């Protein structure tokens, strides 16, 4: 049985371990040095100030974190619409194909509605199962509205 909860400050050490695993798996992120102090500060901020975002975790019956969704909330730069967005979602490789990602996304959608968001934007830039991730989001009702491109300088 899985359950979704808002992360607590005491979850941060395990979330940092997951962040390193996530970073090492992503061909995109591997190209950039990870700053765990910055990740820790961001997680603390989102946990302590839920009006700025959320850190959701999926736990198993033994309270092991199977995955996490880190989301934000902001007014759009060009309008008064309130947008909820993903910073990242990561499910441990051994838990992919389970209900973990589905439950995290559903919890994020609920959270965004509770916060009064007008819409949600999610994406994938990790190069981890990109097409599968896009198809997954589309099955949940998200519309593919574009892509973004990068250039190292």
Protein backbone atom coordinates (compact mmCIF):
# COMPACT_ATOMS: atom_id res chain seq x y z
CA UNK A 1 0.00 0.00 0.00
CA UNK A 2 1.40 3.37 -1.03
CA UNK A 3 0.56 6.74 0.45
CA UNK A 4 1.35 10.32 -0.50
CA UNK A 5 2.39 12.91 2.07
CA UNK A 6 3.86 16.37 2.18
CA UNK A 7 7.54 15.94 2.93
CA UNK A 8 8.89 16.98 6.32
CA UNK A 9 12.24 18.56 7.16
CA UNK A 10 13.29 15.16 8.55
CA UNK A 11 12.83 13.66 5.03
CA UNK A 12 15.46 15.94 3.49
CA UNK A 13 18.50 13.64 3.98
CA UNK A 14 16.75 10.84 2.07
CA UNK A 15 15.50 13.31 -0.55
CA UNK A 16 19.08 14.48 -1.07
CA UNK A 17 20.14 10.86 -1.66
CA UNK A 18 17.34 10.58 -4.22
CA UNK A 19 18.47 13.87 -5.81
CA UNK A 20 21.98 12.46 -6.33
CA UNK A 21 20.54 9.28 -7.87
CA UNK A 22 18.32 11.42 -10.11
CA UNK A 23 21.26 13.62 -11.12
CA UNK A 24 23.49 10.65 -11.91
CA UNK A 25 20.81 9.03 -14.06
CA UNK A 26 19.97 12.10 -16.13
CA UNK A 27 22.20 12.67 -19.18
CA UNK A 28 21.08 16.33 -19.13
CA UNK A 29 21.75 17.03 -15.47
CA UNK A 30 25.04 15.09 -15.41
CA UNK A 31 26.48 17.90 -17.51
CA UNK A 32 25.95 20.37 -14.65
CA UNK A 33 27.50 20.12 -11.20
CA UNK A 34 24.94 19.45 -8.48
CA UNK A 35 24.91 21.79 -5.49
CA UNK A 36 23.36 19.79 -2.65
CA UNK A 37 23.32 22.83 -0.34
CA UNK A 38 21.16 24.63 -2.88
CA UNK A 39 18.89 21.60 -3.29
CA UNK A 40 18.57 21.35 0.50
CA UNK A 41 17.69 25.04 0.81
CA UNK A 42 15.07 24.77 -1.95
CA UNK A 43 13.48 21.72 -0.33
CA UNK A 44 13.43 23.43 3.07
CA UNK A 45 11.83 26.54 1.58
CA UNK A 46 9.09 24.59 -0.19
CA UNK A 47 8.38 22.48 2.90
CA UNK A 48 8.26 25.45 5.27
CA UNK A 49 6.44 27.85 2.91
CA UNK A 50 3.75 25.85 1.08
CA UNK A 51 2.42 29.00 -0.60
CA UNK A 52 5.54 28.81 -2.80
CA UNK A 53 5.34 25.14 -3.67
CA UNK A 54 5.26 21.60 -2.40
CA UNK A 55 7.44 18.57 -1.86
CA UNK A 56 5.32 15.45 -2.13
CA UNK A 57 6.62 11.99 -1.32
CA UNK A 58 5.28 8.53 -2.01
CA UNK A 59 5.91 6.10 0.82
CA UNK A 60 5.54 2.34 1.04
CA UNK A 61 4.20 0.44 4.05
CA UNK A 62 7.68 0.57 5.66
CA UNK A 63 7.91 4.38 5.24
CA UNK A 64 10.54 4.14 2.50
CA UNK A 65 10.41 7.02 0.02
CA UNK A 66 9.72 5.54 -3.42
CA UNK A 67 9.60 8.83 -5.27
CA UNK A 68 9.06 12.54 -4.95
CA UNK A 69 7.40 15.40 -6.77
CA UNK A 70 8.72 18.91 -6.22
CA UNK A 71 6.41 21.63 -7.47
CA UNK A 72 6.16 25.39 -7.48
CA UNK A 73 3.50 28.05 -7.70
CA UNK A 74 3.78 31.49 -9.29
CA UNK A 75 1.86 34.13 -11.15
CA UNK A 76 2.63 34.17 -14.83
CA UNK A 77 4.89 36.95 -15.96
CA UNK A 78 2.41 38.14 -18.60
CA UNK A 79 -0.91 37.74 -16.77
CA UNK A 80 -2.60 37.36 -13.41
CA UNK A 81 -3.03 33.61 -13.88
CA UNK A 82 -1.60 31.42 -11.15
CA UNK A 83 0.48 28.57 -12.51
CA UNK A 84 1.53 25.42 -10.70
CA UNK A 85 4.59 23.74 -12.20
CA UNK A 86 7.03 20.93 -11.63
CA UNK A 87 10.61 21.39 -10.59
CA UNK A 88 11.06 17.64 -10.85
CA UNK A 89 9.50 14.27 -10.37
CA UNK A 90 11.66 11.28 -9.67
CA UNK A 91 10.70 7.69 -9.00
CA UNK A 92 13.41 5.29 -7.96
CA UNK A 93 14.15 2.93 -10.87
CA UNK A 94 12.98 -0.14 -8.93
CA UNK A 95 9.57 1.50 -8.41
CA UNK A 96 8.92 2.59 -11.98
CA UNK A 97 5.89 0.91 -13.45
CA UNK A 98 4.18 0.95 -10.05
CA UNK A 99 1.51 3.48 -9.08
CA UNK A 100 4.12 5.83 -7.56
CA UNK A 101 4.28 8.42 -10.37
CA UNK A 102 0.53 8.31 -10.91
CA UNK A 103 -0.18 8.94 -7.23
CA UNK A 104 2.38 11.77 -7.07
CA UNK A 105 0.89 13.53 -10.10
CA UNK A 106 -2.66 13.13 -8.83
CA UNK A 107 -1.61 14.56 -5.46
CA UNK A 108 0.09 17.48 -7.21
CA UNK A 109 -3.03 18.20 -9.25
CA UNK A 110 -5.09 18.22 -6.05
CA UNK A 111 -2.55 20.44 -4.32
CA UNK A 112 -2.56 22.88 -7.27
CA UNK A 113 -6.37 23.10 -7.17
CA UNK A 114 -6.29 23.74 -3.41
CA UNK A 115 -3.81 26.56 -3.98
CA UNK A 116 -6.11 28.18 -6.53
CA UNK A 117 -3.92 27.53 -9.56
CA UNK A 118 -5.50 28.30 -12.91
CA UNK A 119 -3.39 25.75 -14.73
CA UNK A 120 -0.51 23.33 -14.38
CA UNK A 121 2.61 23.05 -16.48
CA UNK A 122 4.83 19.95 -16.38
CA UNK A 123 7.65 18.81 -18.59
CA UNK A 124 10.65 16.61 -18.97
CA UNK A 125 14.21 17.77 -19.54
CA UNK A 126 16.17 14.93 -17.99
CA UNK A 127 16.37 12.60 -21.00
CA UNK A 128 15.13 9.82 -18.71
CA UNK A 129 12.37 7.97 -20.60
CA UNK A 130 11.31 11.19 -22.34
CA UNK A 131 8.69 9.76 -24.70
CA UNK A 132 7.27 7.49 -22.02
CA UNK A 133 7.02 10.45 -19.65
CA UNK A 134 5.25 12.61 -22.24
CA UNK A 135 2.80 9.79 -23.03
CA UNK A 136 2.18 9.30 -19.30
CA UNK A 137 1.34 12.99 -18.81
CA UNK A 138 -0.94 12.95 -21.85
CA UNK A 139 -2.84 9.94 -20.49
CA UNK A 140 -3.44 11.98 -17.34
CA UNK A 141 -5.00 14.80 -19.39
CA UNK A 142 -2.03 17.09 -20.04
CA UNK A 143 -1.71 18.55 -23.53
CA UNK A 144 1.65 18.66 -25.31
CA UNK A 145 2.00 22.40 -25.97
CA UNK A 146 5.63 22.70 -27.00
CA UNK A 147 9.22 21.92 -26.27
CA UNK A 148 12.23 23.76 -25.05
CA UNK A 149 15.74 23.61 -26.38
CA UNK A 150 19.15 24.09 -24.77
CA UNK A 151 22.57 25.20 -25.87
CA UNK A 152 25.66 24.99 -23.72
CA UNK A 153 27.77 28.15 -23.82
